[in-house]
Amino acid sequence: MLARLIESLGIPTVTVTMMPELALKMRAPRVVGVEFPFGHSFGTPHNDALMLQVARAACEALEEAGAPGYRLDVETEWPVPLEVAYKTWHPPRPSPVVAQMLKSRGQG
């Protein structure tokens, strides 16, 4: 994972992700979890308040984390129902990574 490589150089990192459990399994040092559609880690376009909220959470994680494995979740709901958002922003066919994940779970 890129975050671990950067950390090995002495530069602290925070991973903002829609898949915080996976990031922790991959041993990301600090994780900020968001329940947003993929491709929108910091929120909706032009929503400065939401983007700032996520950025502040990342700074908080950086400040608070005492050891690797730290997780902080942003408790903000996506402004559009997720079922609608996923259908609107996701391609009709899953990407190769998503297809492989679904296959490994027996869903694809």
Protein backbone atom coordinates (compact mmCIF):
# COMPACT_ATOMS: atom_id res chain seq x y z
CA MET A 1 0.00 0.00 0.00
CA LEU A 2 1.32 3.41 -0.97
CA ALA A 3 0.56 4.93 2.44
CA ARG A 4 2.92 2.48 4.16
CA LEU A 5 5.70 3.25 1.69
CA ILE A 6 5.29 7.00 2.24
CA GLU A 7 5.20 6.43 6.02
CA SER A 8 8.47 4.45 5.78
CA LEU A 9 10.07 7.65 4.46
CA GLY A 10 8.96 9.50 7.59
CA ILE A 11 5.98 11.28 6.05
CA PRO A 12 2.70 10.73 7.92
CA THR A 13 -0.35 9.78 5.84
CA VAL A 14 -4.12 9.62 6.20
CA THR A 15 -6.20 7.45 3.88
CA VAL A 16 -9.70 8.76 3.16
CA THR A 17 -11.75 5.84 1.88
CA MET A 18 -15.17 4.35 1.34
CA MET A 19 -13.72 1.01 2.41
CA PRO A 20 -12.16 1.65 5.84
CA GLU A 21 -12.18 -2.01 6.92
CA LEU A 22 -10.18 -2.98 3.84
CA ALA A 23 -7.75 -0.10 4.39
CA LEU A 24 -7.15 -1.28 7.95
CA LYS A 25 -6.63 -4.86 6.74
CA MET A 26 -4.04 -3.46 4.33
CA ARG A 27 -2.42 -1.83 7.40
CA ALA A 28 -3.01 1.78 6.45
CA PRO A 29 -1.63 3.81 9.36
CA ARG A 30 -4.56 6.24 9.70
CA VAL A 31 -7.96 5.83 8.08
CA VAL A 32 -10.88 8.21 7.65
CA GLY A 33 -14.01 6.35 6.59
CA VAL A 34 -16.68 8.03 4.49
CA GLU A 35 -19.95 6.53 3.28
CA PHE A 36 -19.89 8.22 -0.11
CA PRO A 37 -20.02 6.84 -3.67
CA PHE A 38 -16.66 5.87 -5.16
CA GLY A 39 -14.82 8.74 -6.77
CA HIS A 40 -16.22 11.24 -4.27
CA SER A 41 -14.01 10.75 -1.21
CA PHE A 42 -14.33 14.35 -0.15
CA GLY A 43 -17.99 14.86 -1.08
CA THR A 44 -20.08 16.30 -3.84
CA PRO A 45 -18.59 18.73 -6.36
CA HIS A 46 -18.72 22.36 -5.24
CA ASN A 47 -19.84 21.41 -1.71
CA ASP A 48 -17.08 23.27 0.10
CA ALA A 49 -18.58 22.67 3.56
CA LEU A 50 -18.60 18.88 3.11
CA MET A 51 -15.11 18.85 1.61
CA LEU A 52 -13.85 20.92 4.52
CA GLN A 53 -15.51 18.54 6.99
CA VAL A 54 -13.69 15.56 5.48
CA ALA A 55 -10.39 17.47 5.33
CA ARG A 56 -10.77 18.43 9.00
CA ALA A 57 -11.45 14.78 9.88
CA ALA A 58 -8.24 13.81 8.08
CA CYS A 59 -6.31 16.44 10.06
CA GLU A 60 -7.94 15.21 13.27
CA ALA A 61 -6.90 11.64 12.46
CA LEU A 62 -3.36 12.79 11.83
CA GLU A 63 -3.30 14.64 15.14
CA GLU A 64 -5.01 11.98 17.29
CA ALA A 65 -3.57 8.71 15.98
CA GLY A 66 -1.17 7.25 18.46
CA ALA A 67 -0.43 4.02 16.64
CA PRO A 68 -1.12 2.42 13.27
CA GLY A 69 -4.65 1.13 12.85
CA TYR A 70 -6.40 4.35 13.83
CA ARG A 71 -9.85 4.88 12.28
CA LEU A 72 -12.14 7.90 12.30
CA ASP A 73 -15.48 7.85 10.48
CA VAL A 74 -17.14 10.96 9.05
CA GLU A 75 -20.71 10.83 10.29
CA THR A 76 -22.28 12.63 7.34
CA GLU A 77 -24.81 11.08 5.00
CA TRP A 78 -24.55 11.55 1.27
CA PRO A 79 -27.09 14.22 0.21
CA VAL A 80 -28.72 11.87 -2.34
CA PRO A 81 -30.02 8.39 -1.43
CA LEU A 82 -27.09 6.01 -2.00
CA GLU A 83 -29.15 3.71 -4.22
CA VAL A 84 -29.74 6.63 -6.57
CA ALA A 85 -26.15 7.87 -6.33
CA TYR A 86 -24.66 4.47 -7.16
CA LYS A 87 -26.90 4.04 -10.19
CA THR A 88 -26.15 7.56 -11.37
CA TRP A 89 -22.36 7.60 -10.90
CA HIS A 90 -21.32 4.01 -11.35
CA PRO A 91 -20.76 2.55 -14.81
CA PRO A 92 -23.20 -0.12 -16.01
CA ARG A 93 -20.42 -2.73 -15.76
CA PRO A 94 -18.16 -2.90 -12.70
CA SER A 95 -14.49 -2.05 -13.03
CA PRO A 96 -12.06 -5.01 -13.05
CA VAL A 97 -11.22 -4.43 -9.36
CA VAL A 98 -14.88 -4.33 -8.30
CA ALA A 99 -15.69 -7.34 -10.50
CA GLN A 100 -12.89 -9.33 -8.84
CA MET A 101 -14.10 -8.31 -5.36
CA LEU A 102 -17.65 -9.38 -6.20
CA LYS A 103 -16.38 -12.65 -7.64
CA SER A 104 -14.36 -13.40 -4.50
CA ARG A 105 -17.51 -12.83 -2.42
CA GLY A 106 -19.52 -15.13 -4.66
CA GLN A 107 -21.65 -12.24 -5.96
CA GLY A 108 -20.32 -12.01 -9.50
